[in-house]
Amino acid sequence: MSEPLWALAAGCVPDALPWDIPRIADAGGFRSSGMWIDPETTWDNRALSKTKAALSETGIQLVDVEALWLAGGEKASDTHKLAVDAGLELGARNVLVVSVHEDYEASVAQFRDICDRAGDGNIRINLEFGEFTNIRSLSAARNFIAAVDHPKAGILIDLMHLNRAGDSVPMLQSDEFSYVQACDFLQSSAFMAGQDYIDAAVDHRYCLGEGEAKRSAIEAVCVANMDVSLEIRSKDLRDRFPDPMERSKQIFQRCDRGAYS
């Protein structure tokens, strides 16, 4: 089995262009990162080649590409297909998918179609559940993936969303999971909803051990033999470390996996 990844999530550096994220992760000490793929903003016709060059230059391995949003019809959209194809070409291990689809059965069919797009490639399609989506708990995510019934389908655990749902950390060694998003957070976020929760999730996460998450939850993730993406989305870190490379160093130094093993 390959070495588990300890990755800088793309959300840590929302101010960076996609192809700069590998270089930012590398400068911080990481050997892995996530990747934004959004053709409506920064992912242009040259993005794939520029990102491939950055990965080759740094040796960074992509833990995931994100984010695909389930909405509309039953089939994968052109954007969904572009992201999966890019993930395959870039060697990403996972694709992150979120559902805001108003039709449950259509969303299941659309997710299955995205899984089909992955073909025989070494990539997994993962549903992220959370308060801001239409799949809000681990049990709901499990029911959804069971309905999809596809070998490429999996579930992404995010510690902050798991806490908001009132769920405990599951047995991470299960085949349901291929990676986890880790962070620390304030327990007040468990009582938020709507835009308040979204604001907390994108601006008020903390490095491991610097918030109020249960140490046992962080420890369970750190000792698991699986890929971890550090989703430290923090306005405080962005304000104090406007240089994304310095911010990456801070996250790497302050999120020590070995401290929990």
Protein backbone atom coordinates (compact mmCIF):
# COMPACT_ATOMS: atom_id res chain seq x y z
CA MET A 1 0.00 0.00 0.00
CA SER A 2 1.27 3.50 -0.85
CA GLU A 3 2.16 5.94 1.90
CA PRO A 4 -0.94 7.78 3.25
CA LEU A 5 -1.07 11.38 2.09
CA TRP A 6 -1.01 14.39 4.44
CA ALA A 7 -2.28 17.11 2.16
CA LEU A 8 -2.84 20.85 2.02
CA ALA A 9 -6.49 21.24 0.99
CA ALA A 10 -7.18 23.69 -1.83
CA GLY A 11 -9.53 25.54 0.52
CA CYS A 12 -6.57 26.66 2.63
CA VAL A 13 -5.43 28.91 -0.21
CA PRO A 14 -8.56 30.25 -1.95
CA ASP A 15 -6.46 33.22 -3.08
CA ALA A 16 -4.17 31.02 -5.19
CA LEU A 17 -4.49 30.02 -8.83
CA PRO A 18 -4.99 26.25 -9.24
CA TRP A 19 -1.58 25.55 -10.80
CA ASP A 20 0.16 27.45 -8.01
CA ILE A 21 -1.31 25.22 -5.28
CA PRO A 22 1.27 22.41 -5.74
CA ARG A 23 4.11 24.93 -5.44
CA ILE A 24 2.52 26.45 -2.35
CA ALA A 25 2.11 23.02 -0.76
CA ASP A 26 5.70 22.12 -1.63
CA ALA A 27 7.01 25.36 -0.10
CA GLY A 28 5.18 24.56 3.13
CA GLY A 29 6.68 21.08 3.47
CA PHE A 30 3.74 19.07 2.12
CA ARG A 31 4.07 16.25 -0.38
CA SER A 32 0.41 16.41 -1.33
CA SER A 33 -2.33 18.95 -2.03
CA GLY A 34 -5.86 19.29 -3.26
CA MET A 35 -6.86 21.10 -6.45
CA TRP A 36 -9.63 23.52 -7.46
CA ILE A 37 -11.24 22.87 -10.83
CA ASP A 38 -13.78 25.55 -11.72
CA PRO A 39 -14.11 26.42 -15.43
CA GLU A 40 -16.32 29.40 -14.54
CA THR A 41 -13.45 31.16 -12.75
CA THR A 42 -9.80 30.11 -12.96
CA TRP A 43 -9.73 26.78 -14.80
CA ASP A 44 -9.08 27.96 -18.38
CA ASN A 45 -7.93 26.08 -21.48
CA ARG A 46 -4.29 26.15 -20.35
CA ALA A 47 -4.93 25.18 -16.74
CA LEU A 48 -4.42 21.46 -17.21
CA SER A 49 -1.00 21.79 -18.82
CA LYS A 50 0.13 24.40 -16.29
CA THR A 51 -1.02 22.22 -13.40
CA LYS A 52 0.71 19.15 -14.84
CA ALA A 53 3.93 21.18 -15.08
CA ALA A 54 3.62 22.28 -11.44
CA LEU A 55 3.05 18.71 -10.28
CA SER A 56 6.03 17.48 -12.28
CA GLU A 57 8.23 20.27 -10.94
CA THR A 58 7.35 19.66 -7.28
CA GLY A 59 6.52 15.95 -7.14
CA ILE A 60 3.28 16.82 -5.32
CA GLN A 61 0.56 14.13 -5.37
CA LEU A 62 -3.05 15.30 -5.60
CA VAL A 63 -5.30 13.94 -2.87
CA ASP A 64 -8.37 15.27 -4.69
CA VAL A 65 -9.94 17.59 -7.22
CA GLU A 66 -12.93 19.67 -6.18
CA ALA A 67 -15.71 20.55 -6.10
CA LEU A 68 -18.43 18.94 -8.19
CA TRP A 69 -21.97 20.03 -7.35
CA LEU A 70 -24.89 17.70 -7.99
CA ALA A 71 -27.76 19.75 -9.46
CA GLY A 72 -30.04 19.82 -12.47
CA GLY A 73 -30.61 16.58 -14.37
CA GLU A 74 -29.71 12.92 -14.10
CA LYS A 75 -26.55 12.95 -16.20
CA ALA A 76 -23.07 14.26 -15.50
CA SER A 77 -22.70 17.82 -16.79
CA ASP A 78 -19.85 19.02 -19.00
CA THR A 79 -18.27 20.56 -15.90
CA HIS A 80 -18.50 17.25 -14.02
CA LYS A 81 -16.88 15.43 -16.94
CA LEU A 82 -14.11 18.02 -17.28
CA ALA A 83 -13.26 17.72 -13.57
CA VAL A 84 -13.20 13.91 -13.55
CA ASP A 85 -11.12 13.81 -16.73
CA ALA A 86 -8.68 16.36 -15.29
CA GLY A 87 -8.46 14.41 -12.04
CA LEU A 88 -7.60 11.26 -13.96
CA GLU A 89 -4.94 12.98 -16.06
CA LEU A 90 -3.42 14.70 -13.02
CA GLY A 91 -3.28 11.48 -11.03
CA ALA A 92 -5.64 12.65 -8.27
CA ARG A 93 -6.78 9.94 -5.91
CA ASN A 94 -10.27 11.37 -5.30
CA VAL A 95 -13.01 13.62 -6.62
CA LEU A 96 -15.05 15.61 -4.08
CA VAL A 97 -18.78 15.85 -4.80
CA VAL A 98 -21.46 17.86 -2.97
CA SER A 99 -25.21 17.59 -3.53
CA VAL A 100 -27.59 20.54 -3.71
CA HIS A 101 -29.88 18.62 -6.08
CA GLU A 102 -33.59 19.13 -5.43
CA ASP A 103 -34.51 15.70 -6.83
CA TYR A 104 -33.09 12.86 -4.76
CA GLU A 105 -33.50 10.11 -7.37
CA ALA A 106 -32.01 12.34 -10.06
CA SER A 107 -29.07 13.16 -7.81
CA VAL A 108 -28.40 9.45 -7.28
CA ALA A 109 -28.45 8.88 -11.04
CA GLN A 110 -26.19 11.87 -11.66
CA PHE A 111 -23.66 10.70 -9.07
CA ARG A 112 -23.68 7.23 -10.63
CA ASP A 113 -23.04 8.77 -14.05
CA ILE A 114 -20.05 10.67 -12.63
CA CYS A 115 -18.75 7.38 -11.23
CA ASP A 116 -19.13 5.81 -14.68
CA ARG A 117 -17.04 8.66 -16.11
CA ALA A 118 -14.13 7.55 -13.93
CA GLY A 119 -14.06 4.25 -15.80
CA ASP A 120 -11.23 1.98 -14.76
CA GLY A 121 -9.05 4.86 -13.59
CA ASN A 122 -7.41 4.87 -10.17
CA ILE A 123 -9.71 7.54 -8.75
CA ARG A 124 -12.69 7.48 -6.40
CA ILE A 125 -15.82 9.67 -6.41
CA ASN A 126 -16.61 10.83 -2.86
CA LEU A 127 -19.75 12.43 -1.48
CA GLU A 128 -19.15 15.16 1.11
CA PHE A 129 -22.11 15.52 3.47
CA GLY A 130 -22.76 18.59 5.58
CA GLU A 131 -25.19 21.14 6.94
CA PHE A 132 -24.94 23.27 3.77
CA THR A 133 -25.91 20.38 1.46
CA ASN A 134 -28.95 18.19 0.87
CA ILE A 135 -27.12 15.21 2.43
CA ARG A 136 -26.45 16.35 5.99
CA SER A 137 -25.39 13.34 8.05
CA LEU A 138 -23.27 10.23 7.83
CA SER A 139 -26.35 7.98 7.87
CA ALA A 140 -27.89 9.97 5.01
CA ALA A 141 -24.62 9.74 3.09
CA ARG A 142 -24.51 5.99 3.62
CA ASN A 143 -28.08 5.63 2.34
CA PHE A 144 -27.22 7.76 -0.70
CA ILE A 145 -24.11 5.77 -1.59
CA ALA A 146 -26.02 2.52 -1.10
CA ALA A 147 -28.59 3.77 -3.60
CA VAL A 148 -25.83 4.73 -6.06
CA ASP A 149 -24.46 1.18 -5.76
CA HIS A 150 -21.26 1.76 -7.71
CA PRO A 151 -17.74 0.48 -6.93
CA LYS A 152 -16.26 3.95 -7.44
CA ALA A 153 -18.62 5.61 -4.94
CA GLY A 154 -17.38 6.60 -1.48
CA ILE A 155 -17.97 9.02 1.37
CA LEU A 156 -15.74 11.89 2.47
CA ILE A 157 -15.65 12.57 6.20
CA ASP A 158 -15.09 16.20 7.22
CA LEU A 159 -14.58 16.48 10.99
CA MET A 160 -16.39 19.81 11.29
CA HIS A 161 -19.42 18.59 9.32
CA LEU A 162 -19.41 15.31 11.23
CA ASN A 163 -19.54 17.25 14.51
CA ARG A 164 -22.36 19.49 13.23
CA ALA A 165 -24.38 16.38 12.33
CA GLY A 166 -23.91 15.00 15.85
CA ASP A 167 -22.15 11.92 14.49
CA SER A 168 -19.16 10.14 16.00
CA VAL A 169 -16.06 9.26 14.02
CA PRO A 170 -16.86 5.94 12.30
CA MET A 171 -14.48 3.06 11.72
CA LEU A 172 -12.31 4.77 9.14
CA GLN A 173 -10.79 1.51 7.93
CA SER A 174 -14.11 0.73 6.23
CA ASP A 175 -14.14 0.55 2.43
CA GLU A 176 -16.72 3.35 2.52
CA PHE A 177 -13.95 5.90 3.07
CA SER A 178 -10.82 6.67 1.09
CA TYR A 179 -9.83 9.95 2.74
CA VAL A 180 -10.79 12.44 5.46
CA GLN A 181 -10.84 16.22 5.72
CA ALA A 182 -9.34 17.19 9.07
CA CYS A 183 -9.45 20.46 10.98
CA ASP A 184 -10.17 21.87 14.41
CA PHE A 185 -13.17 24.09 15.11
CA LEU A 186 -15.25 25.75 17.80
CA GLN A 187 -18.09 23.75 19.31
CA SER A 188 -20.43 26.73 18.73
CA SER A 189 -20.47 25.75 15.04
CA ALA A 190 -22.52 22.67 15.99
CA PHE A 191 -25.47 24.96 16.73
CA MET A 192 -25.25 27.06 13.56
CA ALA A 193 -27.29 26.72 10.40
CA GLY A 194 -27.60 28.38 7.02
CA GLN A 195 -25.18 31.17 6.17
CA ASP A 196 -23.82 31.29 9.72
CA TYR A 197 -22.58 27.73 9.39
CA ILE A 198 -21.20 28.32 5.90
CA ASP A 199 -19.27 31.33 7.21
CA ALA A 200 -17.84 29.22 10.03
CA ALA A 201 -16.88 26.43 7.64
CA VAL A 202 -15.06 28.67 5.14
CA ASP A 203 -13.56 31.25 7.52
CA HIS A 204 -13.28 29.89 11.06
CA ARG A 205 -11.51 26.56 11.07
CA TYR A 206 -8.38 25.98 13.14
CA CYS A 207 -5.14 24.06 12.97
CA LEU A 208 -5.25 20.73 14.80
CA GLY A 209 -5.26 21.14 18.58
CA GLU A 210 -6.03 24.88 18.44
CA GLY A 211 -9.82 24.70 18.61
CA GLU A 212 -12.40 22.77 20.62
CA ALA A 213 -12.71 19.52 18.67
CA LYS A 214 -12.43 16.35 20.72
CA ARG A 215 -8.85 15.18 20.80
CA SER A 216 -10.10 11.62 20.32
CA ALA A 217 -11.66 12.58 16.97
CA ILE A 218 -8.46 14.21 15.69
CA GLU A 219 -6.41 11.31 17.00
CA ALA A 220 -8.64 8.76 15.23
CA VAL A 221 -7.95 10.51 11.93
CA CYS A 222 -4.23 10.93 12.50
CA VAL A 223 -3.58 7.30 13.43
CA ALA A 224 -5.74 5.89 10.63
CA ASN A 225 -3.74 4.48 7.74
CA MET A 226 -5.49 6.67 5.20
CA ASP A 227 -5.16 9.91 3.25
CA VAL A 228 -5.90 13.13 5.13
CA SER A 229 -6.61 16.52 3.59
CA LEU A 230 -6.10 19.41 6.01
CA GLU A 231 -9.11 21.65 5.45
CA ILE A 232 -7.84 24.61 7.51
CA ARG A 233 -10.00 27.33 5.98
CA SER A 234 -9.23 30.32 8.16
CA LYS A 235 -9.73 34.05 7.67
CA ASP A 236 -7.39 34.62 10.60
CA LEU A 237 -4.59 32.73 8.86
CA ARG A 238 -5.31 34.50 5.58
CA ASP A 239 -5.15 37.88 7.31
CA ARG A 240 -2.01 37.13 9.34
CA PHE A 241 -0.22 35.27 6.55
CA PRO A 242 -1.32 36.84 3.25
CA ASP A 243 1.54 35.06 1.46
CA PRO A 244 0.04 31.62 0.66
CA MET A 245 3.45 29.97 0.91
CA GLU A 246 3.97 31.24 4.44
CA ARG A 247 0.42 30.17 5.30
CA SER A 248 1.19 26.69 3.99
CA LYS A 249 4.26 26.53 6.24
CA GLN A 250 2.19 27.56 9.25
CA ILE A 251 -0.40 24.87 8.60
CA PHE A 252 2.24 22.19 8.03
CA GLN A 253 4.15 23.09 11.19
CA ARG A 254 1.07 23.45 13.39
CA CYS A 255 -0.72 20.30 12.17
CA ASP A 256 1.69 17.57 13.24
CA ARG A 257 0.30 14.12 12.49
CA GLY A 258 2.98 12.58 14.69
CA ALA A 259 1.70 14.46 17.74
CA TYR A 260 -1.39 12.22 17.77
CA SER A 261 0.20 8.86 17.02
